């Protein structure tokens, strides 16, 4: 049975900063043995760039 976890990252500054943070996080989690299931980008209710990353082990 797989355990799924959703990680949410947001930034007030720029989408480039968010993209770099997401890239760093998924590389770290991949090295730890997690499977990256999905990565999606959008905005939250305050129009801040937000990423949702689904991982499982």
N, C-alpha and C. Protein backbone atom coordinates (compact mmCIF):
# COMPACT_ATOMS: atom_id res chain seq x y z
N UNK A 1 0.84 -1.17 0.00
CA UNK A 1 0.00 0.00 0.00
C UNK A 1 0.89 1.25 0.00
N UNK A 2 0.59 2.17 -0.87
CA UNK A 2 1.36 3.41 -0.98
C UNK A 2 0.75 4.49 -0.10
N UNK A 3 1.63 5.25 0.55
CA UNK A 3 1.21 6.40 1.34
C UNK A 3 1.51 7.66 0.54
N UNK A 4 0.48 8.43 0.23
CA UNK A 4 0.63 9.66 -0.53
C UNK A 4 0.69 10.86 0.41
N UNK A 5 1.52 11.83 0.05
CA UNK A 5 1.63 13.08 0.78
C UNK A 5 1.58 14.22 -0.21
N UNK A 6 0.85 15.27 0.12
CA UNK A 6 0.78 16.46 -0.72
C UNK A 6 1.52 17.58 -0.01
N UNK A 7 2.48 18.17 -0.70
CA UNK A 7 3.28 19.27 -0.17
C UNK A 7 2.89 20.53 -0.92
N UNK A 8 2.64 21.61 -0.17
CA UNK A 8 2.25 22.89 -0.78
C UNK A 8 3.36 23.90 -0.55
N UNK A 9 3.81 24.55 -1.62
CA UNK A 9 4.81 25.62 -1.53
C UNK A 9 4.21 26.88 -2.14
N UNK A 10 4.44 28.02 -1.50
CA UNK A 10 3.97 29.31 -2.01
C UNK A 10 5.09 30.33 -1.92
N UNK A 11 4.98 31.37 -2.71
CA UNK A 11 5.93 32.47 -2.64
C UNK A 11 5.21 33.78 -2.93
N UNK A 12 5.70 34.83 -2.33
CA UNK A 12 5.14 36.16 -2.60
C UNK A 12 5.93 36.86 -3.69
N UNK A 13 7.06 36.32 -4.06
CA UNK A 13 7.99 37.05 -4.91
C UNK A 13 7.83 36.76 -6.39
N UNK A 14 8.29 35.61 -6.83
CA UNK A 14 8.24 35.37 -8.27
C UNK A 14 8.02 33.89 -8.56
N UNK A 15 7.56 33.63 -9.76
CA UNK A 15 7.38 32.24 -10.17
C UNK A 15 8.73 31.57 -10.38
N UNK A 16 9.77 32.33 -10.73
CA UNK A 16 11.11 31.74 -10.87
C UNK A 16 11.61 31.21 -9.54
N UNK A 17 11.38 31.95 -8.47
CA UNK A 17 11.77 31.50 -7.13
C UNK A 17 11.01 30.24 -6.75
N UNK A 18 9.71 30.22 -7.02
CA UNK A 18 8.89 29.05 -6.71
C UNK A 18 9.36 27.85 -7.52
N UNK A 19 9.63 28.03 -8.79
CA UNK A 19 10.10 26.92 -9.63
C UNK A 19 11.40 26.34 -9.09
N UNK A 20 12.33 27.20 -8.69
CA UNK A 20 13.62 26.74 -8.15
C UNK A 20 13.41 25.98 -6.84
N UNK A 21 12.51 26.48 -5.98
CA UNK A 21 12.22 25.80 -4.71
C UNK A 21 11.60 24.42 -4.96
N UNK A 22 10.69 24.34 -5.92
CA UNK A 22 10.05 23.07 -6.25
C UNK A 22 11.08 22.09 -6.81
N UNK A 23 11.93 22.57 -7.70
CA UNK A 23 12.96 21.71 -8.28
C UNK A 23 13.88 21.15 -7.20
N UNK A 24 14.28 21.99 -6.26
CA UNK A 24 15.15 21.55 -5.18
C UNK A 24 14.44 20.51 -4.30
N UNK A 25 13.17 20.76 -3.99
CA UNK A 25 12.41 19.84 -3.14
C UNK A 25 12.22 18.48 -3.80
N UNK A 26 11.84 18.46 -5.09
CA UNK A 26 11.60 17.16 -5.72
C UNK A 26 12.91 16.39 -5.92
N UNK A 27 14.01 17.08 -6.14
CA UNK A 27 15.30 16.38 -6.21
C UNK A 27 15.66 15.77 -4.86
N UNK A 28 15.42 16.50 -3.78
CA UNK A 28 15.70 16.01 -2.43
C UNK A 28 14.83 14.80 -2.12
N UNK A 29 13.54 14.91 -2.36
CA UNK A 29 12.62 13.81 -2.05
C UNK A 29 12.92 12.58 -2.92
N UNK A 30 13.32 12.79 -4.15
CA UNK A 30 13.68 11.68 -5.02
C UNK A 30 14.90 10.94 -4.47
N UNK A 31 15.89 11.68 -4.00
CA UNK A 31 17.08 11.06 -3.39
C UNK A 31 16.72 10.28 -2.13
N UNK A 32 15.68 10.72 -1.42
CA UNK A 32 15.23 10.03 -0.21
C UNK A 32 14.39 8.80 -0.51
N UNK A 33 14.15 8.52 -1.77
CA UNK A 33 13.43 7.32 -2.16
C UNK A 33 11.95 7.51 -2.44
N UNK A 34 11.47 8.74 -2.47
CA UNK A 34 10.07 9.01 -2.77
C UNK A 34 9.84 9.02 -4.27
N UNK A 35 8.65 8.64 -4.66
CA UNK A 35 8.22 8.74 -6.06
C UNK A 35 7.45 10.05 -6.20
N UNK A 36 7.83 10.87 -7.16
CA UNK A 36 7.12 12.12 -7.42
C UNK A 36 5.94 11.78 -8.34
N UNK A 37 4.73 11.92 -7.82
CA UNK A 37 3.54 11.53 -8.57
C UNK A 37 3.05 12.67 -9.46
N UNK A 38 2.85 13.85 -8.89
CA UNK A 38 2.40 15.00 -9.67
C UNK A 38 3.02 16.29 -9.13
N UNK A 39 3.15 17.25 -10.02
CA UNK A 39 3.55 18.62 -9.66
C UNK A 39 2.61 19.55 -10.43
N UNK A 40 1.92 20.43 -9.70
CA UNK A 40 1.04 21.36 -10.38
C UNK A 40 1.25 22.76 -9.81
N UNK A 41 1.07 23.75 -10.67
CA UNK A 41 1.25 25.14 -10.30
C UNK A 41 -0.06 25.89 -10.47
N UNK A 42 -0.27 26.87 -9.62
CA UNK A 42 -1.46 27.70 -9.70
C UNK A 42 -1.29 28.90 -8.79
N UNK A 43 -2.39 29.46 -8.36
CA UNK A 43 -2.36 30.58 -7.41
C UNK A 43 -3.34 30.27 -6.29
N UNK A 44 -3.07 30.83 -5.10
CA UNK A 44 -4.00 30.64 -3.99
C UNK A 44 -5.01 31.79 -3.98
N UNK A 45 -5.80 31.87 -2.91
CA UNK A 45 -6.87 32.87 -2.90
C UNK A 45 -6.36 34.30 -2.78
N UNK A 46 -5.07 34.49 -2.47
CA UNK A 46 -4.46 35.83 -2.43
C UNK A 46 -3.62 36.08 -3.68
N UNK A 47 -3.80 35.26 -4.69
CA UNK A 47 -3.09 35.35 -5.97
C UNK A 47 -1.57 35.17 -5.84
N UNK A 48 -1.15 34.40 -4.83
CA UNK A 48 0.26 34.08 -4.67
C UNK A 48 0.57 32.81 -5.47
N UNK A 49 1.68 32.80 -6.24
CA UNK A 49 2.04 31.58 -6.95
C UNK A 49 2.21 30.42 -5.96
N UNK A 50 1.59 29.30 -6.29
CA UNK A 50 1.57 28.14 -5.39
C UNK A 50 1.83 26.87 -6.19
N UNK A 51 2.54 25.93 -5.57
CA UNK A 51 2.79 24.63 -6.18
C UNK A 51 2.29 23.54 -5.25
N UNK A 52 1.73 22.49 -5.83
CA UNK A 52 1.30 21.32 -5.09
C UNK A 52 2.07 20.13 -5.64
N UNK A 53 2.77 19.43 -4.75
CA UNK A 53 3.60 18.30 -5.15
C UNK A 53 3.07 17.07 -4.43
N UNK A 54 2.72 16.03 -5.18
CA UNK A 54 2.26 14.78 -4.59
C UNK A 54 3.39 13.77 -4.67
N UNK A 55 3.73 13.20 -3.50
CA UNK A 55 4.79 12.18 -3.43
C UNK A 55 4.23 10.93 -2.77
N UNK A 56 4.88 9.81 -3.01
CA UNK A 56 4.50 8.57 -2.33
C UNK A 56 5.73 7.72 -2.11
N UNK A 57 5.61 6.79 -1.18
CA UNK A 57 6.71 5.88 -0.87
C UNK A 57 6.20 4.48 -0.86
